PDB file of N, CA and C in Angstrom:
ATOM      1  N   MET A   1     -20.371   3.063  -5.934  1.00  0.00           N
ATOM      2  CA  MET A   1     -20.269   1.951  -5.067  1.00  0.00           C
ATOM      3  C   MET A   1     -18.656   2.306  -4.611  1.00  0.00           C
ATOM      4  N   ALA A   2     -18.352   2.218  -3.262  1.00  0.00           N
ATOM      5  CA  ALA A   2     -16.963   2.190  -2.679  1.00  0.00           C
ATOM      6  C   ALA A   2     -16.470   1.226  -2.210  1.00  0.00           C
ATOM      7  N   THR A   3     -15.275   0.899  -2.487  1.00  0.00           N
ATOM      8  CA  THR A   3     -14.449  -0.077  -1.605  1.00  0.00           C
ATOM      9  C   THR A   3     -13.843   0.481  -0.501  1.00  0.00           C
ATOM     10  N   ILE A   4     -14.091  -0.385   0.734  1.00  0.00           N
ATOM     11  CA  ILE A   4     -13.370   0.227   2.061  1.00  0.00           C
ATOM     12  C   ILE A   4     -12.356  -0.572   2.133  1.00  0.00           C
ATOM     13  N   LEU A   5     -11.270   0.159   2.510  1.00  0.00           N
ATOM     14  CA  LEU A   5      -9.774  -0.559   2.623  1.00  0.00           C
ATOM     15  C   LEU A   5      -9.528  -0.499   4.149  1.00  0.00           C
ATOM     16  N   VAL A   6      -9.042  -1.341   4.604  1.00  0.00           N
ATOM     17  CA  VAL A   6      -8.609  -1.552   6.057  1.00  0.00           C
ATOM     18  C   VAL A   6      -7.087  -1.568   6.175  1.00  0.00           C
ATOM     19  N   PHE A   7      -6.457  -0.874   6.898  1.00  0.00           N
ATOM     20  CA  PHE A   7      -4.734  -0.896   6.740  1.00  0.00           C
ATOM     21  C   PHE A   7      -4.359  -1.183   8.311  1.00  0.00           C
ATOM     22  N   SER A   8      -3.579  -2.436   8.185  1.00  0.00           N
ATOM     23  CA  SER A   8      -3.083  -2.739   9.471  1.00  0.00           C
ATOM     24  C   SER A   8      -2.145  -1.906  10.019  1.00  0.00           C
ATOM     25  N   SER A   9      -1.967  -1.783  11.279  1.00  0.00           N
ATOM     26  CA  SER A   9      -0.776  -0.902  11.699  1.00  0.00           C
ATOM     27  C   SER A   9       0.431  -1.573  11.480  1.00  0.00           C
ATOM     28  N   HIS A  10       0.451  -2.708  10.910  1.00  0.00           N
ATOM     29  CA  HIS A  10       1.804  -3.246  10.604  1.00  0.00           C
ATOM     30  C   HIS A  10       2.366  -2.900   9.399  1.00  0.00           C
ATOM     31  N   VAL A  11       3.206  -2.074   9.324  1.00  0.00           N
ATOM     32  CA  VAL A  11       4.148  -1.767   8.213  1.00  0.00           C
ATOM     33  C   VAL A  11       5.535  -2.207   8.599  1.00  0.00           C
ATOM     34  N   SER A  12       6.355  -3.152   7.973  1.00  0.00           N
ATOM     35  CA  SER A  12       7.591  -3.152   8.407  1.00  0.00           C
ATOM     36  C   SER A  12       8.594  -2.827   7.352  1.00  0.00           C
ATOM     37  N   ALA A  13       9.586  -2.137   7.648  1.00  0.00           N
ATOM     38  CA  ALA A  13      10.827  -1.846   7.049  1.00  0.00           C
ATOM     39  C   ALA A  13      12.010  -1.501   7.948  1.00  0.00           C
ATOM     40  N   ILE A  14      13.130  -1.337   7.449  1.00  0.00           N
ATOM     41  CA  ILE A  14      14.376  -1.021   8.171  1.00  0.00           C
ATOM     42  C   ILE A  14      14.685   0.266   7.869  1.00  0.00           C
ATOM     43  N   THR A  15      14.212   1.007   8.997  1.00  0.00           N
ATOM     44  CA  THR A  15      14.531   2.775   8.840  1.00  0.00           C
ATOM     45  C   THR A  15      15.154   3.425   9.961  1.00  0.00           C
ATOM     46  N   GLU A  16      15.527   4.517   9.763  1.00  0.00           N
ATOM     47  CA  GLU A  16      16.145   5.296  10.906  1.00  0.00           C
ATOM     48  C   GLU A  16      15.112   5.523  12.143  1.00  0.00           C
ATOM     49  N   ASN A  17      14.014   5.887  11.796  1.00  0.00           N
ATOM     50  CA  ASN A  17      12.830   6.236  12.862  1.00  0.00           C
ATOM     51  C   ASN A  17      11.566   5.371  12.590  1.00  0.00           C
ATOM     52  N   PRO A  18      11.876   4.090  12.905  1.00  0.00           N
ATOM     53  CA  PRO A  18      10.891   3.128  12.728  1.00  0.00           C
ATOM     54  C   PRO A  18       9.029   3.479  12.850  1.00  0.00           C
ATOM     55  N   LYS A  19       9.208   3.857  14.282  1.00  0.00           N
ATOM     56  CA  LYS A  19       7.755   4.119  14.775  1.00  0.00           C
ATOM     57  C   LYS A  19       7.111   5.224  13.676  1.00  0.00           C
ATOM     58  N   ASN A  20       7.638   6.181  13.776  1.00  0.00           N
ATOM     59  CA  ASN A  20       6.729   7.483  13.014  1.00  0.00           C
ATOM     60  C   ASN A  20       6.787   7.375  11.388  1.00  0.00           C
ATOM     61  N   GLU A  21       8.045   6.589  11.136  1.00  0.00           N
ATOM     62  CA  GLU A  21       8.146   6.171   9.535  1.00  0.00           C
ATOM     63  C   GLU A  21       6.850   5.169   9.073  1.00  0.00           C
ATOM     64  N   PHE A  22       6.915   4.172  10.009  1.00  0.00           N
ATOM     65  CA  PHE A  22       5.846   3.164   9.559  1.00  0.00           C
ATOM     66  C   PHE A  22       4.269   3.680   9.483  1.00  0.00           C
ATOM     67  N   LYS A  23       3.977   4.575  10.344  1.00  0.00           N
ATOM     68  CA  LYS A  23       2.749   5.170  10.379  1.00  0.00           C
ATOM     69  C   LYS A  23       2.648   6.260   9.297  1.00  0.00           C
ATOM     70  N   SER A  24       3.516   6.836   8.939  1.00  0.00           N
ATOM     71  CA  SER A  24       3.585   7.867   7.974  1.00  0.00           C
ATOM     72  C   SER A  24       3.389   7.109   6.481  1.00  0.00           C
ATOM     73  N   VAL A  25       4.115   5.864   6.218  1.00  0.00           N
ATOM     74  CA  VAL A  25       3.995   5.260   5.207  1.00  0.00           C
ATOM     75  C   VAL A  25       2.681   4.725   5.045  1.00  0.00           C
ATOM     76  N   SER A  26       2.072   4.134   6.088  1.00  0.00           N
ATOM     77  CA  SER A  26       0.856   3.363   6.277  1.00  0.00           C
ATOM     78  C   SER A  26      -0.511   4.395   5.819  1.00  0.00           C
ATOM     79  N   GLU A  27      -0.081   5.713   6.521  1.00  0.00           N
ATOM     80  CA  GLU A  27      -1.364   6.795   6.227  1.00  0.00           C
ATOM     81  C   GLU A  27      -1.240   6.862   4.508  1.00  0.00           C
ATOM     82  N   GLN A  28      -0.015   7.250   4.228  1.00  0.00           N
ATOM     83  CA  GLN A  28       0.092   7.742   2.757  1.00  0.00           C
ATOM     84  C   GLN A  28      -0.314   6.648   1.614  1.00  0.00           C
ATOM     85  N   ILE A  29       0.085   5.340   2.085  1.00  0.00           N
ATOM     86  CA  ILE A  29      -0.488   4.241   1.029  1.00  0.00           C
ATOM     87  C   ILE A  29      -2.013   4.170   1.291  1.00  0.00           C
ATOM     88  N   GLU A  30      -2.459   4.382   2.242  1.00  0.00           N
ATOM     89  CA  GLU A  30      -3.744   4.516   2.494  1.00  0.00           C
ATOM     90  C   GLU A  30      -4.678   5.624   1.793  1.00  0.00           C
ATOM     91  N   ASN A  31      -4.083   6.826   1.605  1.00  0.00           N
ATOM     92  CA  ASN A  31      -4.670   7.924   1.152  1.00  0.00           C
ATOM     93  C   ASN A  31      -4.634   7.686  -0.441  1.00  0.00           C
ATOM     94  N   LEU A  32      -3.767   7.074  -1.001  1.00  0.00           N
ATOM     95  CA  LEU A  32      -3.314   6.768  -2.488  1.00  0.00           C
ATOM     96  C   LEU A  32      -4.399   5.721  -2.903  1.00  0.00           C
ATOM     97  N   LEU A  33      -4.817   4.843  -1.890  1.00  0.00           N
ATOM     98  CA  LEU A  33      -5.738   3.881  -2.333  1.00  0.00           C
ATOM     99  C   LEU A  33      -7.172   4.108  -2.113  1.00  0.00           C
ATOM    100  N   LYS A  34      -7.454   5.152  -1.477  1.00  0.00           N
ATOM    101  CA  LYS A  34      -8.848   5.663  -1.284  1.00  0.00           C
ATOM    102  C   LYS A  34      -9.682   5.848  -2.541  1.00  0.00           C
ATOM    103  N   GLY A  35     -10.963   5.546  -2.557  1.00  0.00           N
ATOM    104  CA  GLY A  35     -12.055   6.110  -3.523  1.00  0.00           C
ATOM    105  C   GLY A  35     -12.072   4.894  -4.817  1.00  0.00           C
ATOM    106  N   SER A  36     -12.116   3.738  -4.235  1.00  0.00           N
ATOM    107  CA  SER A  36     -11.923   2.648  -5.444  1.00  0.00           C
ATOM    108  C   SER A  36     -13.272   2.436  -5.794  1.00  0.00           C
ATOM    109  N   GLU A  37     -13.554   2.234  -7.124  1.00  0.00           N
ATOM    110  CA  GLU A  37     -14.895   1.675  -7.709  1.00  0.00           C
ATOM    111  C   GLU A  37     -14.816  -0.069  -7.870  1.00  0.00           C
ATOM    112  N   LEU A  38     -13.864  -0.537  -7.117  1.00  0.00           N
ATOM    113  CA  LEU A  38     -13.915  -2.128  -7.335  1.00  0.00           C
ATOM    114  C   LEU A  38     -14.971  -2.713  -6.691  1.00  0.00           C
ATOM    115  N   VAL A  39     -15.737  -3.550  -7.150  1.00  0.00           N
ATOM    116  CA  VAL A  39     -16.597  -4.402  -6.683  1.00  0.00           C
ATOM    117  C   VAL A  39     -15.812  -5.615  -5.927  1.00  0.00           C
ATOM    118  N   ILE A  40     -16.029  -5.539  -4.580  1.00  0.00           N
ATOM    119  CA  ILE A  40     -15.477  -6.935  -3.784  1.00  0.00           C
ATOM    120  C   ILE A  40     -16.509  -7.724  -3.344  1.00  0.00           C
ATOM    121  N   TYR A  41     -16.514  -8.971  -3.667  1.00  0.00           N
ATOM    122  CA  TYR A  41     -17.519  -9.969  -3.261  1.00  0.00           C
ATOM    123  C   TYR A  41     -17.334 -10.520  -2.078  1.00  0.00           C
ATOM    124  N   LYS A  42     -16.200 -10.472  -1.601  1.00  0.00           N
ATOM    125  CA  LYS A  42     -15.753 -11.020  -0.202  1.00  0.00           C
ATOM    126  C   LYS A  42     -14.256 -10.561   0.224  1.00  0.00           C
ATOM    127  N   ASP A  43     -14.144 -10.189   1.606  1.00  0.00           N
ATOM    128  CA  ASP A  43     -12.965  -9.699   2.234  1.00  0.00           C
ATOM    129  C   ASP A  43     -11.723 -10.492   1.500  1.00  0.00           C
ATOM    130  N   VAL A  44     -10.751  -9.693   1.283  1.00  0.00           N
ATOM    131  CA  VAL A  44      -9.447  -9.911   0.642  1.00  0.00           C
ATOM    132  C   VAL A  44      -8.201  -9.161   1.173  1.00  0.00           C
ATOM    133  N   GLY A  45      -7.494  -9.931   1.718  1.00  0.00           N
ATOM    134  CA  GLY A  45      -6.102  -9.488   2.254  1.00  0.00           C
ATOM    135  C   GLY A  45      -4.920  -9.619   1.299  1.00  0.00           C
ATOM    136  N   VAL A  46      -4.253  -8.535   0.981  1.00  0.00           N
ATOM    137  CA  VAL A  46      -3.140  -8.618   0.249  1.00  0.00           C
ATOM    138  C   VAL A  46      -2.129  -8.055   0.940  1.00  0.00           C
ATOM    139  N   LYS A  47      -0.926  -8.540   0.873  1.00  0.00           N
ATOM    140  CA  LYS A  47       0.459  -8.241   1.248  1.00  0.00           C
ATOM    141  C   LYS A  47       1.089  -7.639   0.148  1.00  0.00           C
ATOM    142  N   LEU A  48       1.384  -6.292   0.345  1.00  0.00           N
ATOM    143  CA  LEU A  48       2.313  -5.407  -0.561  1.00  0.00           C
ATOM    144  C   LEU A  48       3.647  -5.494  -0.248  1.00  0.00           C
ATOM    145  N   LYS A  49       4.566  -5.583  -1.187  1.00  0.00           N
ATOM    146  CA  LYS A  49       6.139  -5.263  -0.819  1.00  0.00           C
ATOM    147  C   LYS A  49       6.295  -4.315  -2.006  1.00  0.00           C
ATOM    148  N   PHE A  50       7.083  -3.555  -1.484  1.00  0.00           N
ATOM    149  CA  PHE A  50       7.858  -2.171  -2.317  1.00  0.00           C
ATOM    150  C   PHE A  50       8.874  -1.562  -1.712  1.00  0.00           C
ATOM    151  N   LYS A  51       9.644  -0.842  -2.626  1.00  0.00           N
ATOM    152  CA  LYS A  51      10.573   0.024  -2.162  1.00  0.00           C
ATOM    153  C   LYS A  51      10.681   1.345  -2.697  1.00  0.00           C
ATOM    154  N   LEU A  52      11.197   2.317  -2.243  1.00  0.00           N
ATOM    155  CA  LEU A  52      11.209   3.729  -2.719  1.00  0.00           C
ATOM    156  C   LEU A  52      12.300   3.913  -3.209  1.00  0.00           C
ATOM    157  N   ASN A  53      12.366   4.581  -4.283  1.00  0.00           N
ATOM    158  CA  ASN A  53      13.650   4.728  -5.264  1.00  0.00           C
ATOM    159  C   ASN A  53      14.304   6.110  -4.656  1.00  0.00           C
ATOM    160  N   GLU A  54      15.202   6.772  -5.387  1.00  0.00           N
ATOM    161  CA  GLU A  54      16.112   7.735  -4.611  1.00  0.00           C
ATOM    162  C   GLU A  54      15.369   9.015  -4.825  1.00  0.00           C
ATOM    163  N   ASN A  55      14.089   9.076  -5.365  1.00  0.00           N
ATOM    164  CA  ASN A  55      13.232  10.192  -5.448  1.00  0.00           C
ATOM    165  C   ASN A  55      11.869   9.973  -4.435  1.00  0.00           C
ATOM    166  N   ASN A  56      12.116   9.110  -3.628  1.00  0.00           N
ATOM    167  CA  ASN A  56      11.009   8.449  -2.721  1.00  0.00           C
ATOM    168  C   ASN A  56       9.796   8.268  -3.639  1.00  0.00           C
ATOM    169  N   LYS A  57       9.873   7.633  -4.753  1.00  0.00           N
ATOM    170  CA  LYS A  57       8.545   7.009  -5.512  1.00  0.00           C
ATOM    171  C   LYS A  57       8.478   5.640  -5.217  1.00  0.00           C
ATOM    172  N   ILE A  58       7.400   5.271  -5.333  1.00  0.00           N
ATOM    173  CA  ILE A  58       6.889   3.665  -4.742  1.00  0.00           C
ATOM    174  C   ILE A  58       7.421   2.795  -6.195  1.00  0.00           C
ATOM    175  N   VAL A  59       8.035   1.746  -5.880  1.00  0.00           N
ATOM    176  CA  VAL A  59       8.629   0.927  -6.747  1.00  0.00           C
ATOM    177  C   VAL A  59       7.919  -0.552  -6.606  1.00  0.00           C
ATOM    178  N   ILE A  60       6.632  -1.081  -6.857  1.00  0.00           N
ATOM    179  CA  ILE A  60       5.987  -2.113  -6.315  1.00  0.00           C
ATOM    180  C   ILE A  60       6.920  -3.326  -6.917  1.00  0.00           C
ATOM    181  N   LEU A  61       7.224  -4.399  -5.795  1.00  0.00           N
ATOM    182  CA  LEU A  61       7.914  -5.499  -5.843  1.00  0.00           C
ATOM    183  C   LEU A  61       6.940  -6.687  -6.201  1.00  0.00           C
ATOM    184  N   THR A  62       6.091  -6.791  -5.243  1.00  0.00           N
ATOM    185  CA  THR A  62       4.976  -7.773  -5.335  1.00  0.00           C
ATOM    186  C   THR A  62       3.861  -7.512  -4.552  1.00  0.00           C
ATOM    187  N   ASN A  63       2.689  -8.135  -4.932  1.00  0.00           N
ATOM    188  CA  ASN A  63       1.629  -8.170  -3.984  1.00  0.00           C
ATOM    189  C   ASN A  63       1.087  -9.516  -4.165  1.00  0.00           C
ATOM    190  N   ASN A  64       0.496 -10.285  -3.115  1.00  0.00           N
ATOM    191  CA  ASN A  64       0.078 -11.768  -3.224  1.00  0.00           C
ATOM    192  C   ASN A  64      -1.130 -12.028  -3.687  1.00  0.00           C
ATOM    193  N   SER A  65      -1.973 -10.888  -4.043  1.00  0.00           N
ATOM    194  CA  SER A  65      -3.397 -10.948  -4.604  1.00  0.00           C
ATOM    195  C   SER A  65      -3.473 -12.068  -5.820  1.00  0.00           C
ATOM    196  N   ASN A  66      -4.622 -12.851  -5.845  1.00  0.00           N
ATOM    197  CA  ASN A  66      -4.778 -13.614  -6.952  1.00  0.00           C
ATOM    198  C   ASN A  66      -5.691 -12.948  -7.855  1.00  0.00           C
ATOM    199  N   ASP A  67      -6.350 -11.942  -7.502  1.00  0.00           N
ATOM    200  CA  ASP A  67      -7.227 -11.233  -8.275  1.00  0.00           C
ATOM    201  C   ASP A  67      -6.605 -10.165  -9.127  1.00  0.00           C
ATOM    202  N   TYR A  68      -6.844 -10.177 -10.348  1.00  0.00           N
ATOM    203  CA  TYR A  68      -6.448  -9.495 -11.670  1.00  0.00           C
ATOM    204  C   TYR A  68      -6.674  -7.808 -11.099  1.00  0.00           C
ATOM    205  N   TYR A  69      -8.032  -7.455 -10.853  1.00  0.00           N
ATOM    206  CA  TYR A  69      -8.360  -6.152 -10.703  1.00  0.00           C
ATOM    207  C   TYR A  69      -7.850  -5.744  -9.461  1.00  0.00           C
ATOM    208  N   ILE A  70      -7.888  -6.500  -8.652  1.00  0.00           N
ATOM    209  CA  ILE A  70      -7.264  -5.824  -7.168  1.00  0.00           C
ATOM    210  C   ILE A  70      -5.749  -5.336  -7.570  1.00  0.00           C
ATOM    211  N   SER A  71      -5.097  -6.353  -8.107  1.00  0.00           N
ATOM    212  CA  SER A  71      -3.603  -6.053  -8.602  1.00  0.00           C
ATOM    213  C   SER A  71      -3.430  -4.926  -9.417  1.00  0.00           C
ATOM    214  N   GLU A  72      -4.223  -4.655 -10.598  1.00  0.00           N
ATOM    215  CA  GLU A  72      -4.053  -3.594 -11.370  1.00  0.00           C
ATOM    216  C   GLU A  72      -4.502  -2.422 -10.545  1.00  0.00           C
ATOM    217  N   PHE A  73      -5.435  -2.265  -9.727  1.00  0.00           N
ATOM    218  CA  PHE A  73      -5.697  -1.222  -9.007  1.00  0.00           C
ATOM    219  C   PHE A  73      -4.728  -0.689  -8.175  1.00  0.00           C
ATOM    220  N   ILE A  74      -4.066  -1.592  -7.291  1.00  0.00           N
ATOM    221  CA  ILE A  74      -2.913  -1.379  -6.470  1.00  0.00           C
ATOM    222  C   ILE A  74      -1.896  -0.685  -7.482  1.00  0.00           C
ATOM    223  N   ASN A  75      -1.551  -1.252  -8.462  1.00  0.00           N
ATOM    224  CA  ASN A  75      -0.363  -0.884  -9.428  1.00  0.00           C
ATOM    225  C   ASN A  75      -0.568   0.514 -10.128  1.00  0.00           C
ATOM    226  N   LYS A  76      -1.932   0.863 -10.349  1.00  0.00           N
ATOM    227  CA  LYS A  76      -2.266   2.242 -10.964  1.00  0.00           C
ATOM    228  C   LYS A  76      -2.098   3.199  -9.797  1.00  0.00           C
ATOM    229  N   ARG A  77      -2.634   2.835  -8.884  1.00  0.00           N
ATOM    230  CA  ARG A  77      -2.769   3.833  -7.605  1.00  0.00           C
ATOM    231  C   ARG A  77      -1.494   4.142  -6.999  1.00  0.00           C
ATOM    232  N   LEU A  78      -0.539   3.352  -6.993  1.00  0.00           N
ATOM    233  CA  LEU A  78       0.800   3.465  -6.221  1.00  0.00           C
ATOM    234  C   LEU A  78       2.014   3.344  -7.054  1.00  0.00           C
ATOM    235  N   TYR A  79       2.035   2.729  -8.391  1.00  0.00           N
ATOM    236  CA  TYR A  79       3.149   2.906  -9.176  1.00  0.00           C
ATOM    237  C   TYR A  79       3.816   4.257  -9.246  1.00  0.00           C
ATOM    238  N   LEU A  80       5.176   4.539  -8.828  1.00  0.00           N
ATOM    239  CA  LEU A  80       5.888   5.715  -9.039  1.00  0.00           C
ATOM    240  C   LEU A  80       5.255   6.932  -8.453  1.00  0.00           C
ATOM    241  N   LYS A  81       4.298   6.761  -7.418  1.00  0.00           N
ATOM    242  CA  LYS A  81       3.977   7.852  -6.733  1.00  0.00           C
ATOM    243  C   LYS A  81       4.667   8.163  -5.694  1.00  0.00           C
ATOM    244  N   GLU A  82       5.066   9.341  -5.301  1.00  0.00           N
ATOM    245  CA  GLU A  82       5.758   9.943  -4.357  1.00  0.00           C
ATOM    246  C   GLU A  82       5.446   9.965  -2.824  1.00  0.00           C
ATOM    247  N   LEU A  83       6.225   9.195  -2.011  1.00  0.00           N
ATOM    248  CA  LEU A  83       6.214   9.341  -0.739  1.00  0.00           C
ATOM    249  C   LEU A  83       6.534  10.369   0.060  1.00  0.00           C
ATOM    250  N   LYS A  84       6.139  11.216   1.116  1.00  0.00           N
ATOM    251  CA  LYS A  84       6.922  12.014   1.768  1.00  0.00           C
ATOM    252  C   LYS A  84       7.647  11.474   3.164  1.00  0.00           C
ATOM    253  N   ILE A  85       8.733  11.008   2.915  1.00  0.00           N
ATOM    254  CA  ILE A  85       9.698  10.264   4.021  1.00  0.00           C
ATOM    255  C   ILE A  85      10.977  10.870   4.088  1.00  0.00           C
ATOM    256  N   ASP A  86      11.703  10.594   5.078  1.00  0.00           N
ATOM    257  CA  ASP A  86      13.196  10.897   5.119  1.00  0.00           C
ATOM    258  C   ASP A  86      13.966  10.143   3.952  1.00  0.00           C
ATOM    259  N   LYS A  87      14.667  11.131   3.186  1.00  0.00           N
ATOM    260  CA  LYS A  87      15.489  10.423   1.943  1.00  0.00           C
ATOM    261  C   LYS A  87      16.095   9.519   2.377  1.00  0.00           C
ATOM    262  N   LYS A  88      17.063   9.311   3.656  1.00  0.00           N
ATOM    263  CA  LYS A  88      18.042   8.366   3.910  1.00  0.00           C
ATOM    264  C   LYS A  88      16.982   6.940   4.135  1.00  0.00           C
ATOM    265  N   ASN A  89      15.773   6.626   3.917  1.00  0.00           N
ATOM    266  CA  ASN A  89      15.039   5.654   3.941  1.00  0.00           C
ATOM    267  C   ASN A  89      14.650   5.249   2.851  1.00  0.00           C
ATOM    268  N   ALA A  90      15.097   5.711   1.644  1.00  0.00           N
ATOM    269  CA  ALA A  90      14.774   5.392   0.312  1.00  0.00           C
ATOM    270  C   ALA A  90      15.636   4.264   0.121  1.00  0.00           C
ATOM    271  N   ASN A  91      15.324   3.392  -0.908  1.00  0.00           N
ATOM    272  CA  ASN A  91      15.885   1.992  -1.160  1.00  0.00           C
ATOM    273  C   ASN A  91      15.797   0.934  -0.156  1.00  0.00           C
ATOM    274  N   LYS A  92      14.876   1.009   0.993  1.00  0.00           N
ATOM    275  CA  LYS A  92      14.552   0.059   1.826  1.00  0.00           C
ATOM    276  C   LYS A  92      13.330  -0.473   1.289  1.00  0.00           C
ATOM    277  N   PHE A  93      13.148  -2.022   1.970  1.00  0.00           N
ATOM    278  CA  PHE A  93      11.879  -2.620   1.468  1.00  0.00           C
ATOM    279  C   PHE A  93      11.005  -2.289   2.337  1.00  0.00           C
ATOM    280  N   TYR A  94       9.591  -2.200   1.887  1.00  0.00           N
ATOM    281  CA  TYR A  94       8.550  -2.143   2.852  1.00  0.00           C
ATOM    282  C   TYR A  94       7.375  -2.920   2.620  1.00  0.00           C
ATOM    283  N   TYR A  95       6.811  -3.418   3.809  1.00  0.00           N
ATOM    284  CA  TYR A  95       5.653  -4.455   3.636  1.00  0.00           C
ATOM    285  C   TYR A  95       4.383  -4.025   4.220  1.00  0.00           C
ATOM    286  N   VAL A  96       3.466  -3.774   3.647  1.00  0.00           N
ATOM    287  CA  VAL A  96       2.115  -3.465   4.112  1.00  0.00           C
ATOM    288  C   VAL A  96       1.119  -4.093   3.569  1.00  0.00           C
ATOM    289  N   PRO A  97       0.447  -4.699   4.758  1.00  0.00           N
ATOM    290  CA  PRO A  97      -0.993  -5.427   4.577  1.00  0.00           C
ATOM    291  C   PRO A  97      -2.138  -4.630   4.308  1.00  0.00           C
ATOM    292  N   ILE A  98      -2.827  -4.953   3.238  1.00  0.00           N
ATOM    293  CA  ILE A  98      -3.931  -4.204   2.800  1.00  0.00           C
ATOM    294  C   ILE A  98      -5.313  -5.080   2.903  1.00  0.00           C
ATOM    295  N   LYS A  99      -6.377  -4.570   3.612  1.00  0.00           N
ATOM    296  CA  LYS A  99      -7.586  -5.563   3.452  1.00  0.00           C
ATOM    297  C   LYS A  99      -8.624  -4.787   2.792  1.00  0.00           C
ATOM    298  N   PHE A 100      -9.322  -5.347   1.611  1.00  0.00           N
ATOM    299  CA  PHE A 100     -10.341  -5.003   1.019  1.00  0.00           C
ATOM    300  C   PHE A 100     -11.328  -5.803   1.475  1.00  0.00           C
ATOM    301  N   ILE A 101     -12.349  -4.926   2.070  1.00  0.00           N
ATOM    302  CA  ILE A 101     -13.775  -5.292   2.487  1.00  0.00           C
ATOM    303  C   ILE A 101     -15.097  -5.381   1.431  1.00  0.00           C
ATOM    304  N   SER A 102     -15.637  -6.343   1.702  1.00  0.00           N
ATOM    305  CA  SER A 102     -16.696  -6.743   0.795  1.00  0.00           C
ATOM    306  C   SER A 102     -17.637  -5.504   0.737  1.00  0.00           C
ATOM    307  N   ASN A 103     -18.142  -5.151  -0.568  1.00  0.00           N
ATOM    308  CA  ASN A 103     -19.020  -4.113  -0.691  1.00  0.00           C
ATOM    309  C   ASN A 103     -20.397  -4.631  -1.487  1.00  0.00           C
ATOM    310  N   ILE A 104     -20.520  -5.810  -1.320  1.00  0.00           N
ATOM    311  CA  ILE A 104     -21.694  -6.359  -1.517  1.00  0.00           C
ATOM    312  C   ILE A 104     -22.445  -6.864  -0.604  1.00  0.00           C
ATOM    313  N   ASN A 105     -23.887  -6.513  -0.421  1.00  0.00           N
ATOM    314  CA  ASN A 105     -24.521  -7.063   0.694  1.00  0.00           C
ATOM    315  C   ASN A 105     -25.125  -8.438   0.596  1.00  0.00           C
TER     316      ASN A 105
END
């Protein structure tokens, strides 16, 4: 059973090249979260806030999920994973909305 994740085109951060950077960050986060075995009973929206350290690795600051398993899934898949972006955008804050779609019929 696979969970479907939907990513909004809205990723916000203060970067030197925002349009391309936002798309790149969103796509990389999406790829890191693919292939979940979570059972999702109803659609869930999660707002993820993170920053990249000096090595472009993800440091999760918050997510607003009230679901323990979704929060753990996000943390395990993303924590200290490296993103390929311009080094001058390290230590910026990123906000990514994620939607988990129900996989129960």
